[in-house]
């Protein structure tokens, strides 16, 4: 939140204690983002592309359909640029 820019080929990784359903929203976000939900096996389980900043008081949540342990936010367009899809395994 409150970031004005995110360098290319960079992201923000959120690490949770356990796998669960973690909704995200775009409140107080100033740049469009792709959001990637990743399970404990580092498999992509949900994708949300080109999420626009929310300038309203009340913002809608993006609700993944499957539990995740990690959530990665990257610049909008990154998912398509690298061809990422559900089921892909990530290394980090």
C-alpha atoms as a PDB file:
ATOM      1  CA  UNK A   1       0.000   0.000   0.000  1.00  0.00           C
ATOM      2  CA  UNK A   2       0.988   3.600  -0.662  1.00  0.00           C
ATOM      3  CA  UNK A   3       3.706   2.670  -3.186  1.00  0.00           C
ATOM      4  CA  UNK A   4       3.954   5.014  -6.157  1.00  0.00           C
ATOM      5  CA  UNK A   5       6.066   2.632  -8.233  1.00  0.00           C
ATOM      6  CA  UNK A   6       7.385  -0.909  -8.402  1.00  0.00           C
ATOM      7  CA  UNK A   7      10.565  -1.603 -10.356  1.00  0.00           C
ATOM      8  CA  UNK A   8      10.326  -3.961 -13.340  1.00  0.00           C
ATOM      9  CA  UNK A   9      11.034  -7.604 -12.508  1.00  0.00           C
ATOM     10  CA  UNK A  10      10.350  -6.918  -8.835  1.00  0.00           C
ATOM     11  CA  UNK A  11       7.461  -7.795  -6.592  1.00  0.00           C
ATOM     12  CA  UNK A  12       6.137  -7.858  -3.076  1.00  0.00           C
ATOM     13  CA  UNK A  13       5.901 -11.320  -1.499  1.00  0.00           C
ATOM     14  CA  UNK A  14       3.540 -11.888   1.406  1.00  0.00           C
ATOM     15  CA  UNK A  15       4.345 -14.984   3.480  1.00  0.00           C
ATOM     16  CA  UNK A  16       1.633 -16.383   5.723  1.00  0.00           C
ATOM     17  CA  UNK A  17       2.018 -18.802   8.612  1.00  0.00           C
ATOM     18  CA  UNK A  18      -0.325 -21.394   7.116  1.00  0.00           C
ATOM     19  CA  UNK A  19      -2.257 -22.090   3.948  1.00  0.00           C
ATOM     20  CA  UNK A  20      -5.646 -20.413   3.939  1.00  0.00           C
ATOM     21  CA  UNK A  21      -7.886 -18.225   1.789  1.00  0.00           C
ATOM     22  CA  UNK A  22      -6.311 -14.745   1.750  1.00  0.00           C
ATOM     23  CA  UNK A  23      -8.392 -12.051   0.012  1.00  0.00           C
ATOM     24  CA  UNK A  24      -6.521  -8.955  -1.168  1.00  0.00           C
ATOM     25  CA  UNK A  25      -7.773  -5.523  -2.159  1.00  0.00           C
ATOM     26  CA  UNK A  26      -6.412  -2.466  -3.904  1.00  0.00           C
ATOM     27  CA  UNK A  27      -7.209   0.177  -1.261  1.00  0.00           C
ATOM     28  CA  UNK A  28      -4.464   2.794  -0.879  1.00  0.00           C
ATOM     29  CA  UNK A  29      -2.667   1.260  -3.863  1.00  0.00           C
ATOM     30  CA  UNK A  30      -1.497   3.696  -6.521  1.00  0.00           C
ATOM     31  CA  UNK A  31      -0.306   1.342  -9.273  1.00  0.00           C
ATOM     32  CA  UNK A  32      -2.125  -1.476 -11.136  1.00  0.00           C
ATOM     33  CA  UNK A  33      -0.986  -4.923 -10.052  1.00  0.00           C
ATOM     34  CA  UNK A  34      -1.169  -8.587 -11.009  1.00  0.00           C
ATOM     35  CA  UNK A  35      -1.607 -10.784  -7.935  1.00  0.00           C
ATOM     36  CA  UNK A  36      -0.489 -14.414  -7.711  1.00  0.00           C
ATOM     37  CA  UNK A  37      -1.566 -16.855  -4.984  1.00  0.00           C
ATOM     38  CA  UNK A  38       0.885 -19.730  -4.364  1.00  0.00           C
ATOM     39  CA  UNK A  39       0.421 -22.809  -2.166  1.00  0.00           C
ATOM     40  CA  UNK A  40       2.964 -24.361   0.231  1.00  0.00           C
ATOM     41  CA  UNK A  41       4.303 -26.514  -2.636  1.00  0.00           C
ATOM     42  CA  UNK A  42       5.023 -23.263  -4.524  1.00  0.00           C
ATOM     43  CA  UNK A  43       2.367 -24.049  -7.122  1.00  0.00           C
ATOM     44  CA  UNK A  44       0.294 -21.202  -8.583  1.00  0.00           C
ATOM     45  CA  UNK A  45      -3.292 -21.740  -7.392  1.00  0.00           C
ATOM     46  CA  UNK A  46      -5.008 -18.439  -8.307  1.00  0.00           C
ATOM     47  CA  UNK A  47      -4.284 -15.447 -10.551  1.00  0.00           C
ATOM     48  CA  UNK A  48      -5.818 -11.991 -10.696  1.00  0.00           C
ATOM     49  CA  UNK A  49      -4.613  -9.778 -13.535  1.00  0.00           C
ATOM     50  CA  UNK A  50      -4.523  -6.000 -13.989  1.00  0.00           C
ATOM     51  CA  UNK A  51      -6.096  -4.977 -10.696  1.00  0.00           C
ATOM     52  CA  UNK A  52      -6.730  -1.246 -10.737  1.00  0.00           C
ATOM     53  CA  UNK A  53      -6.101   1.016  -7.763  1.00  0.00           C
ATOM     54  CA  UNK A  54      -9.190   1.632  -5.637  1.00  0.00           C
ATOM     55  CA  UNK A  55      -9.885   5.265  -4.906  1.00  0.00           C
ATOM     56  CA  UNK A  56     -13.142   4.650  -3.032  1.00  0.00           C
ATOM     57  CA  UNK A  57     -13.694   4.474   0.706  1.00  0.00           C
ATOM     58  CA  UNK A  58     -14.968   0.917   0.366  1.00  0.00           C
ATOM     59  CA  UNK A  59     -13.009  -1.369  -1.988  1.00  0.00           C
ATOM     60  CA  UNK A  60     -13.908  -4.808  -3.278  1.00  0.00           C
ATOM     61  CA  UNK A  61     -11.748  -7.750  -2.273  1.00  0.00           C
ATOM     62  CA  UNK A  62     -10.177 -10.164  -4.713  1.00  0.00           C
ATOM     63  CA  UNK A  63     -11.129 -13.571  -3.338  1.00  0.00           C
ATOM     64  CA  UNK A  64      -8.995 -16.540  -4.378  1.00  0.00           C
ATOM     65  CA  UNK A  65     -10.739 -19.863  -4.873  1.00  0.00           C
ATOM     66  CA  UNK A  66      -8.007 -21.967  -3.257  1.00  0.00           C
ATOM     67  CA  UNK A  67      -5.829 -21.787  -0.137  1.00  0.00           C
ATOM     68  CA  UNK A  68      -2.372 -20.247  -0.446  1.00  0.00           C
ATOM     69  CA  UNK A  69       0.652 -19.738   1.781  1.00  0.00           C
ATOM     70  CA  UNK A  70       2.224 -16.988  -0.335  1.00  0.00           C
ATOM     71  CA  UNK A  71       0.832 -14.072  -2.309  1.00  0.00           C
ATOM     72  CA  UNK A  72       2.985 -12.223  -4.820  1.00  0.00           C
ATOM     73  CA  UNK A  73       2.137  -8.768  -6.169  1.00  0.00           C
ATOM     74  CA  UNK A  74       3.839  -7.682  -9.399  1.00  0.00           C
ATOM     75  CA  UNK A  75       3.288  -4.933 -11.951  1.00  0.00           C
ATOM     76  CA  UNK A  76       0.164  -5.346 -14.054  1.00  0.00           C
ATOM     77  CA  UNK A  77       0.929  -7.255 -17.239  1.00  0.00           C
ATOM     78  CA  UNK A  78       3.693  -9.389 -15.711  1.00  0.00           C
ATOM     79  CA  UNK A  79       1.567 -12.558 -15.623  1.00  0.00           C
ATOM     80  CA  UNK A  80       0.921 -12.366 -19.385  1.00  0.00           C
ATOM     81  CA  UNK A  81       4.455 -11.197 -20.143  1.00  0.00           C
ATOM     82  CA  UNK A  82       5.994 -14.342 -18.631  1.00  0.00           C
ATOM     83  CA  UNK A  83       3.103 -16.650 -19.584  1.00  0.00           C
ATOM     84  CA  UNK A  84       2.366 -17.684 -16.003  1.00  0.00           C
ATOM     85  CA  UNK A  85      -0.613 -20.023 -15.548  1.00  0.00           C
ATOM     86  CA  UNK A  86      -2.397 -22.046 -12.886  1.00  0.00           C
ATOM     87  CA  UNK A  87      -0.401 -25.086 -11.831  1.00  0.00           C
ATOM     88  CA  UNK A  88       3.005 -23.576 -12.652  1.00  0.00           C
ATOM     89  CA  UNK A  89       5.678 -24.178 -10.015  1.00  0.00           C
ATOM     90  CA  UNK A  90       7.736 -21.246  -8.778  1.00  0.00           C
ATOM     91  CA  UNK A  91      11.171 -21.201  -7.211  1.00  0.00           C
ATOM     92  CA  UNK A  92      12.090 -18.733  -4.500  1.00  0.00           C
END
